[in-house]
Amino acid sequence: MVEEIDLREDVETLKKDISKLRQDISEITQKLLKIGKDETDAARGRVRIGVQRLIEDVGQAIGQTRKRGRETFESVEEKIEERPFLTLSLVSVLAFIIGLILGILFDRNSGSSTD
């Protein structure tokens, strides 16, 4: 009879220990989930900051490229205005050379297709 009482006490103690273990595991799981969420939020924040910096850098690069393009265009425009006849002559010569090259290419292509 004493052994049966001891056994019941041991079973009750074991049940309490198992219940406490479940509670501890649940608390640990909740803490780990919170830590994971906090780390995820922190990583998300770092990524967001990185993306914002990248967007700003790209915006600055685009702005600088536009500025250089405008400056180059204005410089070319000034050169053309300074020497309009020279510019016209150069364009005419280039057009003539391109025409000659294209003419030669078309003559070769048309000559080889009839062979």
C-alpha atoms as a PDB file:
ATOM      1  CA  MET A   1       0.000   0.000   0.000  1.00  0.00           C
ATOM      2  CA  VAL A   2       2.837   2.366   0.839  1.00  0.00           C
ATOM      3  CA  GLU A   3       4.444   1.521  -2.489  1.00  0.00           C
ATOM      4  CA  GLU A   4       1.208   2.346  -4.290  1.00  0.00           C
ATOM      5  CA  ILE A   5       1.033   5.740  -2.566  1.00  0.00           C
ATOM      6  CA  ASP A   6       4.688   6.404  -3.427  1.00  0.00           C
ATOM      7  CA  LEU A   7       3.995   5.399  -7.012  1.00  0.00           C
ATOM      8  CA  ARG A   8       1.014   7.765  -7.188  1.00  0.00           C
ATOM      9  CA  GLU A   9       3.075  10.573  -5.731  1.00  0.00           C
ATOM     10  CA  ASP A  10       5.827   9.881  -8.276  1.00  0.00           C
ATOM     11  CA  VAL A  11       3.277   9.865 -11.114  1.00  0.00           C
ATOM     12  CA  GLU A  12       1.775  13.147  -9.887  1.00  0.00           C
ATOM     13  CA  THR A  13       5.235  14.664  -9.558  1.00  0.00           C
ATOM     14  CA  LEU A  14       6.085  13.412 -13.043  1.00  0.00           C
ATOM     15  CA  LYS A  15       2.850  14.918 -14.443  1.00  0.00           C
ATOM     16  CA  LYS A  16       3.657  18.258 -12.799  1.00  0.00           C
ATOM     17  CA  ASP A  17       7.207  18.133 -14.178  1.00  0.00           C
ATOM     18  CA  ILE A  18       5.940  17.325 -17.667  1.00  0.00           C
ATOM     19  CA  SER A  19       3.407  20.174 -17.441  1.00  0.00           C
ATOM     20  CA  LYS A  20       6.145  22.552 -16.289  1.00  0.00           C
ATOM     21  CA  LEU A  21       8.405  21.296 -19.106  1.00  0.00           C
ATOM     22  CA  ARG A  22       5.639  21.978 -21.652  1.00  0.00           C
ATOM     23  CA  GLN A  23       5.200  25.464 -20.261  1.00  0.00           C
ATOM     24  CA  ASP A  24       8.968  26.098 -20.360  1.00  0.00           C
ATOM     25  CA  ILE A  25       9.183  24.812 -23.945  1.00  0.00           C
ATOM     26  CA  SER A  26       6.272  27.045 -24.925  1.00  0.00           C
ATOM     27  CA  GLU A  27       7.953  30.078 -23.347  1.00  0.00           C
ATOM     28  CA  ILE A  28      11.262  29.273 -25.045  1.00  0.00           C
ATOM     29  CA  THR A  29       9.463  28.868 -28.389  1.00  0.00           C
ATOM     30  CA  GLN A  30       7.746  32.237 -27.963  1.00  0.00           C
ATOM     31  CA  LYS A  31      11.046  33.904 -27.061  1.00  0.00           C
ATOM     32  CA  LEU A  32      12.767  32.341 -30.079  1.00  0.00           C
ATOM     33  CA  LEU A  33       9.931  33.478 -32.342  1.00  0.00           C
ATOM     34  CA  LYS A  34      10.218  37.012 -30.962  1.00  0.00           C
ATOM     35  CA  ILE A  35      13.998  37.004 -31.474  1.00  0.00           C
ATOM     36  CA  GLY A  36      13.506  35.722 -35.031  1.00  0.00           C
ATOM     37  CA  LYS A  37      10.898  38.394 -35.731  1.00  0.00           C
ATOM     38  CA  ASP A  38      13.130  41.108 -34.278  1.00  0.00           C
ATOM     39  CA  GLU A  39      16.083  39.935 -36.383  1.00  0.00           C
ATOM     40  CA  THR A  40      13.869  39.774 -39.473  1.00  0.00           C
ATOM     41  CA  ASP A  41      12.608  43.293 -38.827  1.00  0.00           C
ATOM     42  CA  ALA A  42      16.173  44.525 -38.316  1.00  0.00           C
ATOM     43  CA  ALA A  43      17.332  42.847 -41.541  1.00  0.00           C
ATOM     44  CA  ARG A  44      14.339  44.272 -43.402  1.00  0.00           C
ATOM     45  CA  GLY A  45      15.254  47.730 -42.101  1.00  0.00           C
ATOM     46  CA  ARG A  46      18.870  47.334 -43.231  1.00  0.00           C
ATOM     47  CA  VAL A  47      17.727  46.191 -46.673  1.00  0.00           C
ATOM     48  CA  ARG A  48      15.294  49.109 -46.921  1.00  0.00           C
ATOM     49  CA  ILE A  49      18.065  51.577 -46.029  1.00  0.00           C
ATOM     50  CA  GLY A  50      20.386  49.963 -48.563  1.00  0.00           C
ATOM     51  CA  VAL A  51      17.759  50.173 -51.289  1.00  0.00           C
ATOM     52  CA  GLN A  52      17.056  53.814 -50.466  1.00  0.00           C
ATOM     53  CA  ARG A  53      20.769  54.622 -50.680  1.00  0.00           C
ATOM     54  CA  LEU A  54      21.016  52.778 -53.978  1.00  0.00           C
ATOM     55  CA  ILE A  55      18.035  54.704 -55.368  1.00  0.00           C
ATOM     56  CA  GLU A  56      19.612  57.972 -54.237  1.00  0.00           C
ATOM     57  CA  ASP A  57      22.941  57.013 -55.838  1.00  0.00           C
ATOM     58  CA  VAL A  58      21.230  56.076 -59.098  1.00  0.00           C
ATOM     59  CA  GLY A  59      19.291  59.340 -59.036  1.00  0.00           C
ATOM     60  CA  GLN A  60      22.501  61.296 -58.532  1.00  0.00           C
ATOM     61  CA  ALA A  61      24.216  59.381 -61.342  1.00  0.00           C
ATOM     62  CA  ILE A  62      21.292  60.104 -63.665  1.00  0.00           C
ATOM     63  CA  GLY A  63      21.398  63.769 -62.710  1.00  0.00           C
ATOM     64  CA  GLN A  64      25.141  63.954 -63.361  1.00  0.00           C
ATOM     65  CA  THR A  65      24.737  62.158 -66.678  1.00  0.00           C
ATOM     66  CA  ARG A  66      21.996  64.568 -67.728  1.00  0.00           C
ATOM     67  CA  LYS A  67      24.168  67.509 -66.734  1.00  0.00           C
ATOM     68  CA  ARG A  68      27.135  66.162 -68.728  1.00  0.00           C
ATOM     69  CA  GLY A  69      24.878  65.449 -71.688  1.00  0.00           C
ATOM     70  CA  ARG A  70      23.493  68.971 -71.602  1.00  0.00           C
ATOM     71  CA  GLU A  71      26.995  70.437 -71.320  1.00  0.00           C
ATOM     72  CA  THR A  72      28.211  68.316 -74.244  1.00  0.00           C
ATOM     73  CA  PHE A  73      25.195  69.279 -76.336  1.00  0.00           C
ATOM     74  CA  GLU A  74      25.717  72.951 -75.553  1.00  0.00           C
ATOM     75  CA  SER A  75      29.420  72.659 -76.377  1.00  0.00           C
ATOM     76  CA  VAL A  76      28.682  71.007 -79.731  1.00  0.00           C
ATOM     77  CA  GLU A  77      26.012  73.603 -80.411  1.00  0.00           C
ATOM     78  CA  GLU A  78      28.493  76.389 -79.689  1.00  0.00           C
ATOM     79  CA  LYS A  79      31.073  74.841 -82.024  1.00  0.00           C
ATOM     80  CA  ILE A  80      28.468  74.577 -84.774  1.00  0.00           C
ATOM     81  CA  GLU A  81      27.421  78.190 -84.258  1.00  0.00           C
ATOM     82  CA  GLU A  82      31.050  79.342 -84.280  1.00  0.00           C
ATOM     83  CA  ARG A  83      31.816  77.643 -87.605  1.00  0.00           C
ATOM     84  CA  PRO A  84      28.627  76.828 -89.466  1.00  0.00           C
ATOM     85  CA  PHE A  85      30.298  76.452 -92.883  1.00  0.00           C
ATOM     86  CA  LEU A  86      32.949  74.110 -91.528  1.00  0.00           C
ATOM     87  CA  THR A  87      30.260  72.022 -89.848  1.00  0.00           C
ATOM     88  CA  LEU A  88      28.215  71.903 -93.038  1.00  0.00           C
ATOM     89  CA  SER A  89      31.296  70.906 -95.013  1.00  0.00           C
ATOM     90  CA  LEU A  90      32.168  68.120 -92.554  1.00  0.00           C
ATOM     91  CA  VAL A  91      28.621  66.791 -92.597  1.00  0.00           C
ATOM     92  CA  SER A  92      28.619  66.853 -96.395  1.00  0.00           C
ATOM     93  CA  VAL A  93      31.930  64.984 -96.576  1.00  0.00           C
ATOM     94  CA  LEU A  94      30.743  62.394 -94.057  1.00  0.00           C
ATOM     95  CA  ALA A  95      27.477  61.910 -95.956  1.00  0.00           C
ATOM     96  CA  PHE A  96      29.425  61.483 -99.196  1.00  0.00           C
ATOM     97  CA  ILE A  97      31.777  58.902 -97.618  1.00  0.00           C
ATOM     98  CA  ILE A  98      28.885  56.978 -96.065  1.00  0.00           C
ATOM     99  CA  GLY A  99      27.110  57.047 -99.420  1.00  0.00           C
ATOM    100  CA  LEU A 100      30.202  55.672-101.181  1.00  0.00           C
ATOM    101  CA  ILE A 101      30.603  52.887 -98.616  1.00  0.00           C
ATOM    102  CA  LEU A 102      26.936  51.926 -98.811  1.00  0.00           C
ATOM    103  CA  GLY A 103      27.064  52.048-102.601  1.00  0.00           C
ATOM    104  CA  ILE A 104      30.058  49.715-102.658  1.00  0.00           C
ATOM    105  CA  LEU A 105      28.375  47.345-100.211  1.00  0.00           C
ATOM    106  CA  PHE A 106      25.142  47.267-102.208  1.00  0.00           C
ATOM    107  CA  ASP A 107      27.043  46.721-105.451  1.00  0.00           C
ATOM    108  CA  ARG A 108      28.883  43.770-103.905  1.00  0.00           C
ATOM    109  CA  ASN A 109      25.678  42.292-102.517  1.00  0.00           C
ATOM    110  CA  SER A 110      23.741  42.723-105.723  1.00  0.00           C
ATOM    111  CA  GLY A 111      26.642  41.347-107.781  1.00  0.00           C
ATOM    112  CA  SER A 112      27.087  38.244-105.600  1.00  0.00           C
ATOM    113  CA  SER A 113      23.397  37.358-105.595  1.00  0.00           C
ATOM    114  CA  THR A 114      23.243  37.155-109.439  1.00  0.00           C
ATOM    115  CA  ASP A 115      26.283  34.835-109.657  1.00  0.00           C
END
